[in-house]
C-alpha atoms as a PDB file:
ATOM      1  CA  MET A   1     -22.953  14.440 -17.894  1.00  0.00           C
ATOM      2  CA  ALA A   2     -23.608  12.293 -14.967  1.00  0.00           C
ATOM      3  CA  ILE A   3     -26.020  12.715 -11.719  1.00  0.00           C
ATOM      4  CA  VAL A   4     -24.371  13.201  -8.686  1.00  0.00           C
ATOM      5  CA  ARG A   5     -25.574  13.161  -5.661  1.00  0.00           C
ATOM      6  CA  TRP A   6     -25.422  16.583  -3.073  1.00  0.00           C
ATOM      7  CA  GLN A   7     -23.215  15.959   0.176  1.00  0.00           C
ATOM      8  CA  PRO A   8     -22.285  18.563   2.497  1.00  0.00           C
ATOM      9  CA  LEU A   9     -19.514  18.708   4.025  1.00  0.00           C
ATOM     10  CA  ASN A  10     -18.709  15.501   1.612  1.00  0.00           C
ATOM     11  CA  ILE A  11     -19.550  13.073   4.582  1.00  0.00           C
ATOM     12  CA  ARG A  12     -21.159   9.251   3.629  1.00  0.00           C
ATOM     13  CA  TRP A  13     -22.964   7.338   5.517  1.00  0.00           C
ATOM     14  CA  PRO A  14     -22.395   3.408   4.288  1.00  0.00           C
ATOM     15  CA  ASN A  15     -24.969   2.601   2.079  1.00  0.00           C
ATOM     16  CA  THR A  16     -25.907  -2.018   2.811  1.00  0.00           C
ATOM     17  CA  TRP A  17     -26.597  -2.129  -0.839  1.00  0.00           C
ATOM     18  CA  ASP A  18     -22.885  -0.813  -2.045  1.00  0.00           C
ATOM     19  CA  TRP A  19     -20.837  -1.859   0.339  1.00  0.00           C
ATOM     20  CA  ASP A  20     -17.878  -3.725  -0.885  1.00  0.00           C
ATOM     21  CA  GLY A  21     -15.992  -3.751   2.331  1.00  0.00           C
ATOM     22  CA  ASP A  22     -13.118  -1.095   1.989  1.00  0.00           C
ATOM     23  CA  GLU A  23     -15.178   1.428   4.190  1.00  0.00           C
ATOM     24  CA  LEU A  24     -13.692  -0.491   7.352  1.00  0.00           C
ATOM     25  CA  MET A  25     -10.125  -0.635   5.814  1.00  0.00           C
ATOM     26  CA  ARG A  26      -9.740   2.827   6.062  1.00  0.00           C
ATOM     27  CA  THR A  27      -8.060   4.618   7.899  1.00  0.00           C
ATOM     28  CA  THR A  28      -8.255   8.100   7.053  1.00  0.00           C
ATOM     29  CA  PRO A  29     -10.641  10.450   5.130  1.00  0.00           C
ATOM     30  CA  GLY A  30     -10.662  10.309   1.845  1.00  0.00           C
ATOM     31  CA  GLY A  31      -8.690   7.156   1.264  1.00  0.00           C
ATOM     32  CA  ASP A  32      -5.638   4.590   2.651  1.00  0.00           C
ATOM     33  CA  ASN A  33      -2.431   5.217   3.385  1.00  0.00           C
ATOM     34  CA  LEU A  34      -1.092   2.454   0.871  1.00  0.00           C
ATOM     35  CA  ASP A  35      -0.546   3.960  -2.963  1.00  0.00           C
ATOM     36  CA  VAL A  36      -0.162   1.323  -6.126  1.00  0.00           C
ATOM     37  CA  TYR A  37       0.747   2.242  -9.432  1.00  0.00           C
ATOM     38  CA  GLU A  38       2.741   1.043 -12.733  1.00  0.00           C
ATOM     39  CA  THR A  39       5.373   2.740 -14.606  1.00  0.00           C
ATOM     40  CA  GLN A  40       6.802   1.587 -17.748  1.00  0.00           C
ATOM     41  CA  ASP A  41       9.455  -1.147 -16.150  1.00  0.00           C
ATOM     42  CA  GLU A  42       7.291  -1.467 -12.593  1.00  0.00           C
ATOM     43  CA  ILE A  43       4.511  -1.614 -10.011  1.00  0.00           C
ATOM     44  CA  VAL A  44       5.550   0.048  -7.614  1.00  0.00           C
ATOM     45  CA  VAL A  45       3.362  -0.054  -3.708  1.00  0.00           C
ATOM     46  CA  LYS A  46       4.720   3.079  -1.791  1.00  0.00           C
ATOM     47  CA  ALA A  47       2.210   2.095   2.305  1.00  0.00           C
ATOM     48  CA  ASN A  48       3.067   5.093   5.509  1.00  0.00           C
ATOM     49  CA  ILE A  49       4.878   3.382   8.409  1.00  0.00           C
ATOM     50  CA  ALA A  50       5.716   6.154  10.273  1.00  0.00           C
ATOM     51  CA  GLY A  51       8.117   5.975  13.180  1.00  0.00           C
ATOM     52  CA  ILE A  52       8.673   2.857  12.817  1.00  0.00           C
ATOM     53  CA  PRO A  53      12.054   1.069  12.611  1.00  0.00           C
ATOM     54  CA  GLU A  54      13.349  -0.648   9.463  1.00  0.00           C
ATOM     55  CA  ASP A  55      14.320  -3.427  11.410  1.00  0.00           C
ATOM     56  CA  LYS A  56       9.831  -3.984  12.352  1.00  0.00           C
ATOM     57  CA  VAL A  57       9.020  -3.627   9.705  1.00  0.00           C
ATOM     58  CA  ASP A  58       8.001  -7.163   7.767  1.00  0.00           C
ATOM     59  CA  ILE A  59       7.268  -7.648   4.105  1.00  0.00           C
ATOM     60  CA  THR A  60       6.023 -10.773   2.452  1.00  0.00           C
ATOM     61  CA  PHE A  61       4.919 -11.714  -0.828  1.00  0.00           C
ATOM     62  CA  GLU A  62       3.288 -15.221  -1.546  1.00  0.00           C
ATOM     63  CA  LYS A  63       1.007 -16.465  -4.525  1.00  0.00           C
ATOM     64  CA  GLY A  64       0.498 -12.431  -5.672  1.00  0.00           C
ATOM     65  CA  VAL A  65       0.220 -10.870  -2.865  1.00  0.00           C
ATOM     66  CA  LEU A  66       2.135  -8.660  -1.159  1.00  0.00           C
ATOM     67  CA  TRP A  67       1.628  -8.045   3.080  1.00  0.00           C
ATOM     68  CA  ILE A  68       3.592  -4.879   4.819  1.00  0.00           C
ATOM     69  CA  ARG A  69       3.251  -5.080   8.756  1.00  0.00           C
ATOM     70  CA  ALA A  70       5.458  -2.894  10.991  1.00  0.00           C
ATOM     71  CA  GLU A  71       4.259  -3.098  14.313  1.00  0.00           C
ATOM     72  CA  ALA A  72       6.704  -0.671  17.211  1.00  0.00           C
ATOM     73  CA  GLU A  73       6.362   0.042  20.687  1.00  0.00           C
ATOM     74  CA  GLU A  74       8.792   2.492  23.072  1.00  0.00           C
ATOM     75  CA  LYS A  75       8.945   1.646  27.345  1.00  0.00           C
ATOM     76  CA  LYS A  76       9.922   3.802  29.670  1.00  0.00           C
ATOM     77  CA  LYS A  77      12.365   2.433  33.059  1.00  0.00           C
ATOM     78  CA  GLU A  78      12.149   4.445  36.357  1.00  0.00           C
ATOM     79  CA  GLY A  79      13.041   2.254  39.266  1.00  0.00           C
ATOM     80  CA  ARG A  80      11.306  -0.498  38.971  1.00  0.00           C
ATOM     81  CA  LYS A  81       8.355   0.547  37.011  1.00  0.00           C
ATOM     82  CA  TYR A  82       7.719   0.438  32.993  1.00  0.00           C
ATOM     83  CA  TYR A  83       5.201   2.585  31.268  1.00  0.00           C
ATOM     84  CA  ARG A  84       4.558   2.067  27.839  1.00  0.00           C
ATOM     85  CA  ILE A  85       4.937   5.955  25.988  1.00  0.00           C
ATOM     86  CA  ALA A  86       3.759   4.799  22.629  1.00  0.00           C
ATOM     87  CA  SER A  87       2.543   2.145  20.639  1.00  0.00           C
ATOM     88  CA  ARG A  88       2.495   2.035  16.874  1.00  0.00           C
ATOM     89  CA  SER A  89       1.414  -0.653  14.330  1.00  0.00           C
ATOM     90  CA  TYR A  90       0.212  -0.732  10.769  1.00  0.00           C
ATOM     91  CA  SER A  91      -1.324  -3.435   7.966  1.00  0.00           C
ATOM     92  CA  TYR A  92      -1.520  -3.688   4.228  1.00  0.00           C
ATOM     93  CA  LYS A  93      -2.550  -6.209   2.293  1.00  0.00           C
ATOM     94  CA  VAL A  94      -2.604  -5.791  -1.720  1.00  0.00           C
ATOM     95  CA  ALA A  95      -2.923  -7.767  -4.395  1.00  0.00           C
ATOM     96  CA  ILE A  96      -0.763  -7.086  -7.228  1.00  0.00           C
ATOM     97  CA  PRO A  97      -1.813  -6.882 -10.756  1.00  0.00           C
ATOM     98  CA  GLY A  98      -0.116  -7.766 -13.707  1.00  0.00           C
ATOM     99  CA  ASN A  99       1.738 -10.078 -14.799  1.00  0.00           C
ATOM    100  CA  ILE A 100       5.918  -9.399 -12.880  1.00  0.00           C
ATOM    101  CA  ASP A 101       9.023 -11.138 -13.363  1.00  0.00           C
ATOM    102  CA  LEU A 102       9.096 -13.863 -10.373  1.00  0.00           C
ATOM    103  CA  LYS A 103      12.767 -14.442 -11.184  1.00  0.00           C
ATOM    104  CA  LYS A 104      14.381 -11.060 -10.127  1.00  0.00           C
ATOM    105  CA  GLU A 105      13.077  -9.995  -6.527  1.00  0.00           C
ATOM    106  CA  PRO A 106      11.199  -7.416  -5.690  1.00  0.00           C
ATOM    107  CA  ALA A 107      13.530  -3.778  -4.056  1.00  0.00           C
ATOM    108  CA  ALA A 108      12.360  -2.445  -0.990  1.00  0.00           C
ATOM    109  CA  LYS A 109      13.157   1.155   0.738  1.00  0.00           C
ATOM    110  CA  ILE A 110      12.115   2.883   3.532  1.00  0.00           C
ATOM    111  CA  THR A 111      12.385   7.008   3.317  1.00  0.00           C
ATOM    112  CA  ASN A 112      11.045   9.372   5.805  1.00  0.00           C
ATOM    113  CA  GLY A 113       8.526   6.598   7.423  1.00  0.00           C
ATOM    114  CA  VAL A 114       7.623   5.373   3.672  1.00  0.00           C
ATOM    115  CA  VAL A 115       8.679   2.067   2.588  1.00  0.00           C
ATOM    116  CA  THR A 116       8.175   1.025  -1.531  1.00  0.00           C
ATOM    117  CA  ILE A 117       8.852  -1.578  -2.806  1.00  0.00           C
ATOM    118  CA  SER A 118       9.096  -2.046  -6.817  1.00  0.00           C
ATOM    119  CA  PHE A 119       8.395  -5.236  -8.882  1.00  0.00           C
ATOM    120  CA  LYS A 120       9.812  -5.829 -12.310  1.00  0.00           C
ATOM    121  CA  LYS A 121       7.569  -6.049 -15.263  1.00  0.00           C
ATOM    122  CA  ALA A 122       7.452  -9.296 -17.591  1.00  0.00           C
ATOM    123  CA  GLU A 123       9.112  -8.675 -20.823  1.00  0.00           C
ATOM    124  CA  GLU A 124       5.990  -9.704 -22.043  1.00  0.00           C
ATOM    125  CA  ALA A 125       3.540  -6.968 -20.530  1.00  0.00           C
ATOM    126  CA  LYS A 126       5.763  -4.060 -21.694  1.00  0.00           C
ATOM    127  CA  PRO A 127       4.121  -2.464 -23.587  1.00  0.00           C
ATOM    128  CA  LYS A 128       4.963  -2.157 -27.340  1.00  0.00           C
ATOM    129  CA  LYS A 129       4.524   0.313 -30.203  1.00  0.00           C
ATOM    130  CA  ILE A 130       2.596  -1.113 -33.436  1.00  0.00           C
ATOM    131  CA  LYS A 131       3.852   0.957 -36.479  1.00  0.00           C
ATOM    132  CA  VAL A 132       1.040   1.676 -39.061  1.00  0.00           C
ATOM    133  CA  LYS A 133       1.400   1.159 -42.051  1.00  0.00           C
ATOM    134  CA  THR A 134      -0.541   2.742 -45.229  1.00  0.00           C
ATOM    135  CA  THR A 135      -1.992   0.789 -47.937  1.00  0.00           C
END
């Protein structure tokens, strides 16, 4: 059993010695708005882009790095005056782990403000069953 430092209210002040740069990238306590996970046949990335229409979402995959950018701004005009009602922007950059099949196009879809990108695994990266023989 590991000894864990007691932290009341689960608030952590960044320590210079164990800082890895992630603290500045976090937008919500307890983690990012980005999920990366692996299934049997694919690698899936899910990112929060709430309130952004799909024509304002830009997804780029280059040299093993996925970049999701989404930005929208709502304006209102009354006579000769313009009012900015709301502005939202998201930017996520993540290295895709594992060996993916670059010949197959990744699939992207948006459902309820969450963009999901699926990358197919290469055949050599899929797990293989090994039969055990007794002698």
